[in-house]
Amino acid sequence: MPDSKDVLEQQYLEMRWRTLSLAADLDRVQRASGGPALLGSDARLAKLRRAWEVLLSEGGGADRAERVQMIFSDMTPPPK
């Protein structure tokens, strides 16, 4: 079983790429017409912010993926 340093070594470049890609996506939204207002008001972006808070929390625990998944899950009750 690999240790944490090995896992990071294997995953770092992809993690870095995904972070840069996300930053570029947000830059495109902000530069588009109405972008700054949308960044502050869109519910989807609010969910992304909540997910980032989970990712950035100190000692976030081993359940980060589950907590982030729950942020994006539709919790509305099914129709009767």
PDB file of N, CA and C in Angstrom:
ATOM      1  N   MET A   1       0.852  -1.178   0.000  1.00  0.00           N
ATOM      2  CA  MET A   1       0.000   0.000   0.000  1.00  0.00           C
ATOM      3  C   MET A   1       0.897   1.240   0.000  1.00  0.00           C
ATOM      4  N   PRO A   2       0.642   2.192  -0.911  1.00  0.00           N
ATOM      5  CA  PRO A   2       1.494   3.389  -0.968  1.00  0.00           C
ATOM      6  C   PRO A   2       1.271   4.282   0.254  1.00  0.00           C
ATOM      7  N   ASP A   3       2.320   4.992   0.637  1.00  0.00           N
ATOM      8  CA  ASP A   3       2.146   5.949   1.735  1.00  0.00           C
ATOM      9  C   ASP A   3       1.670   7.282   1.161  1.00  0.00           C
ATOM     10  N   SER A   4       1.362   8.212   2.040  1.00  0.00           N
ATOM     11  CA  SER A   4       0.762   9.486   1.621  1.00  0.00           C
ATOM     12  C   SER A   4       1.666  10.269   0.674  1.00  0.00           C
ATOM     13  N   LYS A   5       2.962  10.216   0.897  1.00  0.00           N
ATOM     14  CA  LYS A   5       3.890  10.936   0.014  1.00  0.00           C
ATOM     15  C   LYS A   5       3.855  10.346  -1.395  1.00  0.00           C
ATOM     16  N   ASP A   6       3.763   9.021  -1.498  1.00  0.00           N
ATOM     17  CA  ASP A   6       3.670   8.383  -2.811  1.00  0.00           C
ATOM     18  C   ASP A   6       2.373   8.763  -3.520  1.00  0.00           C
ATOM     19  N   VAL A   7       1.278   8.788  -2.766  1.00  0.00           N
ATOM     20  CA  VAL A   7      -0.016   9.160  -3.359  1.00  0.00           C
ATOM     21  C   VAL A   7       0.051  10.587  -3.886  1.00  0.00           C
ATOM     22  N   LEU A   8       0.590  11.495  -3.083  1.00  0.00           N
ATOM     23  CA  LEU A   8       0.711  12.885  -3.534  1.00  0.00           C
ATOM     24  C   LEU A   8       1.609  12.981  -4.759  1.00  0.00           C
ATOM     25  N   GLU A   9       2.703  12.264  -4.751  1.00  0.00           N
ATOM     26  CA  GLU A   9       3.623  12.272  -5.897  1.00  0.00           C
ATOM     27  C   GLU A   9       2.906  11.824  -7.169  1.00  0.00           C
ATOM     28  N   GLN A  10       2.065  10.810  -7.043  1.00  0.00           N
ATOM     29  CA  GLN A  10       1.346  10.282  -8.201  1.00  0.00           C
ATOM     30  C   GLN A  10       0.228  11.213  -8.666  1.00  0.00           C
ATOM     31  N   GLN A  11      -0.399  11.935  -7.759  1.00  0.00           N
ATOM     32  CA  GLN A  11      -1.588  12.711  -8.079  1.00  0.00           C
ATOM     33  C   GLN A  11      -1.359  14.209  -8.252  1.00  0.00           C
ATOM     34  N   TYR A  12      -0.215  14.714  -7.834  1.00  0.00           N
ATOM     35  CA  TYR A  12      -0.010  16.155  -7.762  1.00  0.00           C
ATOM     36  C   TYR A  12      -0.229  16.873  -9.092  1.00  0.00           C
ATOM     37  N   LEU A  13       0.354  16.374 -10.174  1.00  0.00           N
ATOM     38  CA  LEU A  13       0.222  17.081 -11.453  1.00  0.00           C
ATOM     39  C   LEU A  13      -1.232  17.153 -11.911  1.00  0.00           C
ATOM     40  N   GLU A  14      -1.983  16.081 -11.717  1.00  0.00           N
ATOM     41  CA  GLU A  14      -3.398  16.133 -12.089  1.00  0.00           C
ATOM     42  C   GLU A  14      -4.172  17.078 -11.183  1.00  0.00           C
ATOM     43  N   MET A  15      -3.877  17.071  -9.889  1.00  0.00           N
ATOM     44  CA  MET A  15      -4.524  17.994  -8.955  1.00  0.00           C
ATOM     45  C   MET A  15      -4.224  19.441  -9.351  1.00  0.00           C
ATOM     46  N   ARG A  16      -2.980  19.696  -9.699  1.00  0.00           N
ATOM     47  CA  ARG A  16      -2.587  21.045 -10.124  1.00  0.00           C
ATOM     48  C   ARG A  16      -3.335  21.437 -11.392  1.00  0.00           C
ATOM     49  N   TRP A  17      -3.433  20.527 -12.362  1.00  0.00           N
ATOM     50  CA  TRP A  17      -4.135  20.820 -13.608  1.00  0.00           C
ATOM     51  C   TRP A  17      -5.605  21.138 -13.349  1.00  0.00           C
ATOM     52  N   ARG A  18      -6.257  20.337 -12.489  1.00  0.00           N
ATOM     53  CA  ARG A  18      -7.674  20.580 -12.207  1.00  0.00           C
ATOM     54  C   ARG A  18      -7.878  21.931 -11.528  1.00  0.00           C
ATOM     55  N   THR A  19      -6.962  22.311 -10.658  1.00  0.00           N
ATOM     56  CA  THR A  19      -7.059  23.602  -9.983  1.00  0.00           C
ATOM     57  C   THR A  19      -6.903  24.740 -10.980  1.00  0.00           C
ATOM     58  N   LEU A  20      -5.920  24.624 -11.868  1.00  0.00           N
ATOM     59  CA  LEU A  20      -5.717  25.663 -12.892  1.00  0.00           C
ATOM     60  C   LEU A  20      -6.916  25.747 -13.834  1.00  0.00           C
ATOM     61  N   SER A  21      -7.487  24.610 -14.187  1.00  0.00           N
ATOM     62  CA  SER A  21      -8.646  24.593 -15.068  1.00  0.00           C
ATOM     63  C   SER A  21      -9.835  25.297 -14.412  1.00  0.00           C
ATOM     64  N   LEU A  22     -10.051  25.033 -13.149  1.00  0.00           N
ATOM     65  CA  LEU A  22     -11.132  25.685 -12.411  1.00  0.00           C
ATOM     66  C   LEU A  22     -10.910  27.196 -12.336  1.00  0.00           C
ATOM     67  N   ALA A  23      -9.683  27.604 -12.069  1.00  0.00           N
ATOM     68  CA  ALA A  23      -9.373  29.039 -12.023  1.00  0.00           C
ATOM     69  C   ALA A  23      -9.658  29.692 -13.378  1.00  0.00           C
ATOM     70  N   ALA A  24      -9.296  29.019 -14.458  1.00  0.00           N
ATOM     71  CA  ALA A  24      -9.552  29.562 -15.794  1.00  0.00           C
ATOM     72  C   ALA A  24     -11.052  29.655 -16.070  1.00  0.00           C
ATOM     73  N   ASP A  25     -11.813  28.647 -15.648  1.00  0.00           N
ATOM     74  CA  ASP A  25     -13.270  28.691 -15.831  1.00  0.00           C
ATOM     75  C   ASP A  25     -13.868  29.894 -15.104  1.00  0.00           C
ATOM     76  N   LEU A  26     -13.455  30.117 -13.862  1.00  0.00           N
ATOM     77  CA  LEU A  26     -13.979  31.247 -13.095  1.00  0.00           C
ATOM     78  C   LEU A  26     -13.563  32.577 -13.719  1.00  0.00           C
ATOM     79  N   ASP A  27     -12.349  32.649 -14.245  1.00  0.00           N
ATOM     80  CA  ASP A  27     -11.907  33.864 -14.952  1.00  0.00           C
ATOM     81  C   ASP A  27     -12.804  34.155 -16.147  1.00  0.00           C
ATOM     82  N   ARG A  28     -13.166  33.114 -16.909  1.00  0.00           N
ATOM     83  CA  ARG A  28     -14.035  33.309 -18.079  1.00  0.00           C
ATOM     84  C   ARG A  28     -15.413  33.799 -17.662  1.00  0.00           C
ATOM     85  N   VAL A  29     -15.955  33.226 -16.590  1.00  0.00           N
ATOM     86  CA  VAL A  29     -17.262  33.687 -16.102  1.00  0.00           C
ATOM     87  C   VAL A  29     -17.168  35.153 -15.696  1.00  0.00           C
ATOM     88  N   GLN A  30     -16.142  35.513 -14.962  1.00  0.00           N
ATOM     89  CA  GLN A  30     -16.014  36.880 -14.468  1.00  0.00           C
ATOM     90  C   GLN A  30     -15.839  37.881 -15.602  1.00  0.00           C
ATOM     91  N   ARG A  31     -15.112  37.519 -16.646  1.00  0.00           N
ATOM     92  CA  ARG A  31     -14.870  38.445 -17.762  1.00  0.00           C
ATOM     93  C   ARG A  31     -16.086  38.598 -18.668  1.00  0.00           C
ATOM     94  N   ALA A  32     -17.008  37.641 -18.641  1.00  0.00           N
ATOM     95  CA  ALA A  32     -18.191  37.697 -19.499  1.00  0.00           C
ATOM     96  C   ALA A  32     -19.149  38.776 -18.985  1.00  0.00           C
ATOM     97  N   SER A  33     -20.011  39.213 -19.871  1.00  0.00           N
ATOM     98  CA  SER A  33     -20.997  40.217 -19.508  1.00  0.00           C
ATOM     99  C   SER A  33     -21.830  39.731 -18.325  1.00  0.00           C
ATOM    100  N   GLY A  34     -21.916  40.553 -17.285  1.00  0.00           N
ATOM    101  CA  GLY A  34     -22.672  40.201 -16.086  1.00  0.00           C
ATOM    102  C   GLY A  34     -21.942  39.258 -15.152  1.00  0.00           C
ATOM    103  N   GLY A  35     -20.708  38.934 -15.469  1.00  0.00           N
ATOM    104  CA  GLY A  35     -19.953  37.962 -14.691  1.00  0.00           C
ATOM    105  C   GLY A  35     -19.769  38.294 -13.229  1.00  0.00           C
ATOM    106  N   PRO A  36     -19.297  39.501 -12.906  1.00  0.00           N
ATOM    107  CA  PRO A  36     -19.081  39.801 -11.484  1.00  0.00           C
ATOM    108  C   PRO A  36     -20.351  39.662 -10.647  1.00  0.00           C
ATOM    109  N   ALA A  37     -21.488  40.099 -11.166  1.00  0.00           N
ATOM    110  CA  ALA A  37     -22.739  39.971 -10.413  1.00  0.00           C
ATOM    111  C   ALA A  37     -23.126  38.499 -10.272  1.00  0.00           C
ATOM    112  N   LEU A  38     -22.943  37.741 -11.337  1.00  0.00           N
ATOM    113  CA  LEU A  38     -23.285  36.326 -11.302  1.00  0.00           C
ATOM    114  C   LEU A  38     -22.430  35.578 -10.286  1.00  0.00           C
ATOM    115  N   LEU A  39     -21.156  35.913 -10.209  1.00  0.00           N
ATOM    116  CA  LEU A  39     -20.262  35.242  -9.260  1.00  0.00           C
ATOM    117  C   LEU A  39     -20.749  35.398  -7.826  1.00  0.00           C
ATOM    118  N   GLY A  40     -21.422  36.505  -7.544  1.00  0.00           N
ATOM    119  CA  GLY A  40     -21.897  36.739  -6.191  1.00  0.00           C
ATOM    120  C   GLY A  40     -23.306  36.269  -5.911  1.00  0.00           C
ATOM    121  N   SER A  41     -24.033  35.819  -6.959  1.00  0.00           N
ATOM    122  CA  SER A  41     -25.449  35.528  -6.730  1.00  0.00           C
ATOM    123  C   SER A  41     -25.918  34.146  -7.185  1.00  0.00           C
ATOM    124  N   ASP A  42     -25.156  33.459  -7.984  1.00  0.00           N
ATOM    125  CA  ASP A  42     -25.613  32.198  -8.548  1.00  0.00           C
ATOM    126  C   ASP A  42     -25.532  31.063  -7.513  1.00  0.00           C
ATOM    127  N   ALA A  43     -26.611  30.308  -7.379  1.00  0.00           N
ATOM    128  CA  ALA A  43     -26.677  29.219  -6.388  1.00  0.00           C
ATOM    129  C   ALA A  43     -25.661  28.119  -6.684  1.00  0.00           C
ATOM    130  N   ARG A  44     -25.390  27.877  -7.950  1.00  0.00           N
ATOM    131  CA  ARG A  44     -24.401  26.844  -8.295  1.00  0.00           C
ATOM    132  C   ARG A  44     -23.011  27.246  -7.825  1.00  0.00           C
ATOM    133  N   LEU A  45     -22.695  28.522  -8.000  1.00  0.00           N
ATOM    134  CA  LEU A  45     -21.388  28.994  -7.540  1.00  0.00           C
ATOM    135  C   LEU A  45     -21.316  29.009  -6.020  1.00  0.00           C
ATOM    136  N   ALA A  46     -22.450  29.236  -5.372  1.00  0.00           N
ATOM    137  CA  ALA A  46     -22.482  29.155  -3.903  1.00  0.00           C
ATOM    138  C   ALA A  46     -22.171  27.731  -3.445  1.00  0.00           C
ATOM    139  N   LYS A  47     -22.698  26.745  -4.166  1.00  0.00           N
ATOM    140  CA  LYS A  47     -22.382  25.350  -3.833  1.00  0.00           C
ATOM    141  C   LYS A  47     -20.896  25.064  -4.041  1.00  0.00           C
ATOM    142  N   LEU A  48     -20.337  25.602  -5.113  1.00  0.00           N
ATOM    143  CA  LEU A  48     -18.896  25.428  -5.328  1.00  0.00           C
ATOM    144  C   LEU A  48     -18.102  26.022  -4.169  1.00  0.00           C
ATOM    145  N   ARG A  49     -18.513  27.210  -3.719  1.00  0.00           N
ATOM    146  CA  ARG A  49     -17.812  27.829  -2.585  1.00  0.00           C
ATOM    147  C   ARG A  49     -17.885  26.951  -1.331  1.00  0.00           C
ATOM    148  N   ARG A  50     -19.055  26.387  -1.078  1.00  0.00           N
ATOM    149  CA  ARG A  50     -19.204  25.497   0.080  1.00  0.00           C
ATOM    150  C   ARG A  50     -18.297  24.280  -0.065  1.00  0.00           C
ATOM    151  N   ALA A  51     -18.212  23.748  -1.273  1.00  0.00           N
ATOM    152  CA  ALA A  51     -17.334  22.596  -1.509  1.00  0.00           C
ATOM    153  C   ALA A  51     -15.873  22.978  -1.286  1.00  0.00           C
ATOM    154  N   TRP A  52     -15.486  24.170  -1.735  1.00  0.00           N
ATOM    155  CA  TRP A  52     -14.094  24.617  -1.526  1.00  0.00           C
ATOM    156  C   TRP A  52     -13.797  24.770  -0.046  1.00  0.00           C
ATOM    157  N   GLU A  53     -14.781  25.212   0.715  1.00  0.00           N
ATOM    158  CA  GLU A  53     -14.588  25.322   2.168  1.00  0.00           C
ATOM    159  C   GLU A  53     -14.288  23.959   2.776  1.00  0.00           C
ATOM    160  N   VAL A  54     -14.984  22.943   2.306  1.00  0.00           N
ATOM    161  CA  VAL A  54     -14.714  21.581   2.783  1.00  0.00           C
ATOM    162  C   VAL A  54     -13.281  21.187   2.412  1.00  0.00           C
ATOM    163  N   LEU A  55     -12.903  21.453   1.168  1.00  0.00           N
ATOM    164  CA  LEU A  55     -11.565  21.080   0.713  1.00  0.00           C
ATOM    165  C   LEU A  55     -10.469  21.799   1.482  1.00  0.00           C
ATOM    166  N   LEU A  56     -10.733  23.046   1.859  1.00  0.00           N
ATOM    167  CA  LEU A  56      -9.707  23.856   2.519  1.00  0.00           C
ATOM    168  C   LEU A  56      -9.721  23.738   4.037  1.00  0.00           C
ATOM    169  N   SER A  57     -10.700  23.042   4.606  1.00  0.00           N
ATOM    170  CA  SER A  57     -10.782  22.963   6.060  1.00  0.00           C
ATOM    171  C   SER A  57      -9.579  22.193   6.610  1.00  0.00           C
ATOM    172  N   GLU A  58      -9.043  22.726   7.688  1.00  0.00           N
ATOM    173  CA  GLU A  58      -7.905  22.085   8.341  1.00  0.00           C
ATOM    174  C   GLU A  58      -8.332  20.735   8.883  1.00  0.00           C
ATOM    175  N   GLY A  59      -7.511  19.738   8.684  1.00  0.00           N
ATOM    176  CA  GLY A  59      -7.843  18.409   9.181  1.00  0.00           C
ATOM    177  C   GLY A  59      -9.195  17.949   8.690  1.00  0.00           C
ATOM    178  N   GLY A  60      -9.484  18.198   7.410  1.00  0.00           N
ATOM    179  CA  GLY A  60     -10.796  17.962   6.835  1.00  0.00           C
ATOM    180  C   GLY A  60     -11.352  16.571   6.990  1.00  0.00           C
ATOM    181  N   GLY A  61     -10.549  15.644   7.413  1.00  0.00           N
ATOM    182  CA  GLY A  61     -11.039  14.282   7.599  1.00  0.00           C
ATOM    183  C   GLY A  61     -10.983  13.487   6.310  1.00  0.00           C
ATOM    184  N   ALA A  62     -11.224  12.213   6.437  1.00  0.00           N
ATOM    185  CA  ALA A  62     -11.144  11.317   5.288  1.00  0.00           C
ATOM    186  C   ALA A  62     -12.456  11.250   4.519  1.00  0.00           C
ATOM    187  N   ASP A  63     -13.436  12.058   4.927  1.00  0.00           N
ATOM    188  CA  ASP A  63     -14.744  12.003   4.271  1.00  0.00           C
ATOM    189  C   ASP A  63     -15.020  13.232   3.408  1.00  0.00           C
ATOM    190  N   ARG A  64     -13.975  13.897   2.937  1.00  0.00           N
ATOM    191  CA  ARG A  64     -14.159  15.099   2.111  1.00  0.00           C
ATOM    192  C   ARG A  64     -15.030  14.811   0.890  1.00  0.00           C
ATOM    193  N   ALA A  65     -14.727  13.730   0.185  1.00  0.00           N
ATOM    194  CA  ALA A  65     -15.473  13.424  -1.043  1.00  0.00           C
ATOM    195  C   ALA A  65     -16.955  13.242  -0.746  1.00  0.00           C
ATOM    196  N   GLU A  66     -17.270  12.556   0.341  1.00  0.00           N
ATOM    197  CA  GLU A  66     -18.679  12.353   0.707  1.00  0.00           C
ATOM    198  C   GLU A  66     -19.342  13.685   1.042  1.00  0.00           C
ATOM    199  N   ARG A  67     -18.667  14.529   1.799  1.00  0.00           N
ATOM    200  CA  ARG A  67     -19.246  15.821   2.185  1.00  0.00           C
ATOM    201  C   ARG A  67     -19.465  16.705   0.959  1.00  0.00           C
ATOM    202  N   VAL A  68     -18.515  16.708   0.032  1.00  0.00           N
ATOM    203  CA  VAL A  68     -18.669  17.500  -1.187  1.00  0.00           C
ATOM    204  C   VAL A  68     -19.808  16.933  -2.036  1.00  0.00           C
ATOM    205  N   GLN A  69     -19.889  15.618  -2.139  1.00  0.00           N
ATOM    206  CA  GLN A  69     -20.974  15.007  -2.903  1.00  0.00           C
ATOM    207  C   GLN A  69     -22.330  15.411  -2.340  1.00  0.00           C
ATOM    208  N   MET A  70     -22.444  15.465  -1.041  1.00  0.00           N
ATOM    209  CA  MET A  70     -23.718  15.850  -0.416  1.00  0.00           C
ATOM    210  C   MET A  70     -24.080  17.301  -0.741  1.00  0.00           C
ATOM    211  N   ILE A  71     -23.105  18.165  -0.874  1.00  0.00           N
ATOM    212  CA  ILE A  71     -23.369  19.562  -1.242  1.00  0.00           C
ATOM    213  C   ILE A  71     -24.043  19.622  -2.610  1.00  0.00           C
ATOM    214  N   PHE A  72     -23.604  18.766  -3.522  1.00  0.00           N
ATOM    215  CA  PHE A  72     -24.131  18.793  -4.887  1.00  0.00           C
ATOM    216  C   PHE A  72     -25.326  17.860  -5.086  1.00  0.00           C
ATOM    217  N   SER A  73     -25.713  17.114  -4.070  1.00  0.00           N
ATOM    218  CA  SER A  73     -26.834  16.179  -4.191  1.00  0.00           C
ATOM    219  C   SER A  73     -28.169  16.917  -4.095  1.00  0.00           C
ATOM    220  N   ASP A  74     -29.129  16.427  -4.829  1.00  0.00           N
ATOM    221  CA  ASP A  74     -30.484  16.974  -4.793  1.00  0.00           C
ATOM    222  C   ASP A  74     -31.208  16.332  -3.614  1.00  0.00           C
ATOM    223  N   MET A  75     -31.470  17.110  -2.600  1.00  0.00           N
ATOM    224  CA  MET A  75     -32.076  16.599  -1.380  1.00  0.00           C
ATOM    225  C   MET A  75     -33.580  16.864  -1.317  1.00  0.00           C
ATOM    226  N   THR A  76     -34.167  17.312  -2.424  1.00  0.00           N
ATOM    227  CA  THR A  76     -35.618  17.554  -2.403  1.00  0.00           C
ATOM    228  C   THR A  76     -36.356  16.220  -2.358  1.00  0.00           C
ATOM    229  N   PRO A  77     -37.454  16.172  -1.599  1.00  0.00           N
ATOM    230  CA  PRO A  77     -38.203  14.915  -1.515  1.00  0.00           C
ATOM    231  C   PRO A  77     -38.793  14.549  -2.878  1.00  0.00           C
ATOM    232  N   PRO A  78     -38.891  13.270  -3.150  1.00  0.00           N
ATOM    233  CA  PRO A  78     -39.492  12.864  -4.430  1.00  0.00           C
ATOM    234  C   PRO A  78     -40.973  13.223  -4.460  1.00  0.00           C
ATOM    235  N   PRO A  79     -41.522  13.394  -5.641  1.00  0.00           N
ATOM    236  CA  PRO A  79     -42.962  13.710  -5.743  1.00  0.00           C
ATOM    237  C   PRO A  79     -43.795  12.541  -5.237  1.00  0.00           C
ATOM    238  N   LYS A  80     -44.959  12.874  -4.737  1.00  0.00           N
ATOM    239  CA  LYS A  80     -45.854  11.832  -4.184  1.00  0.00           C
ATOM    240  C   LYS A  80     -46.821  11.347  -5.229  1.00  0.00           C
TER     241      LYS A  80
END
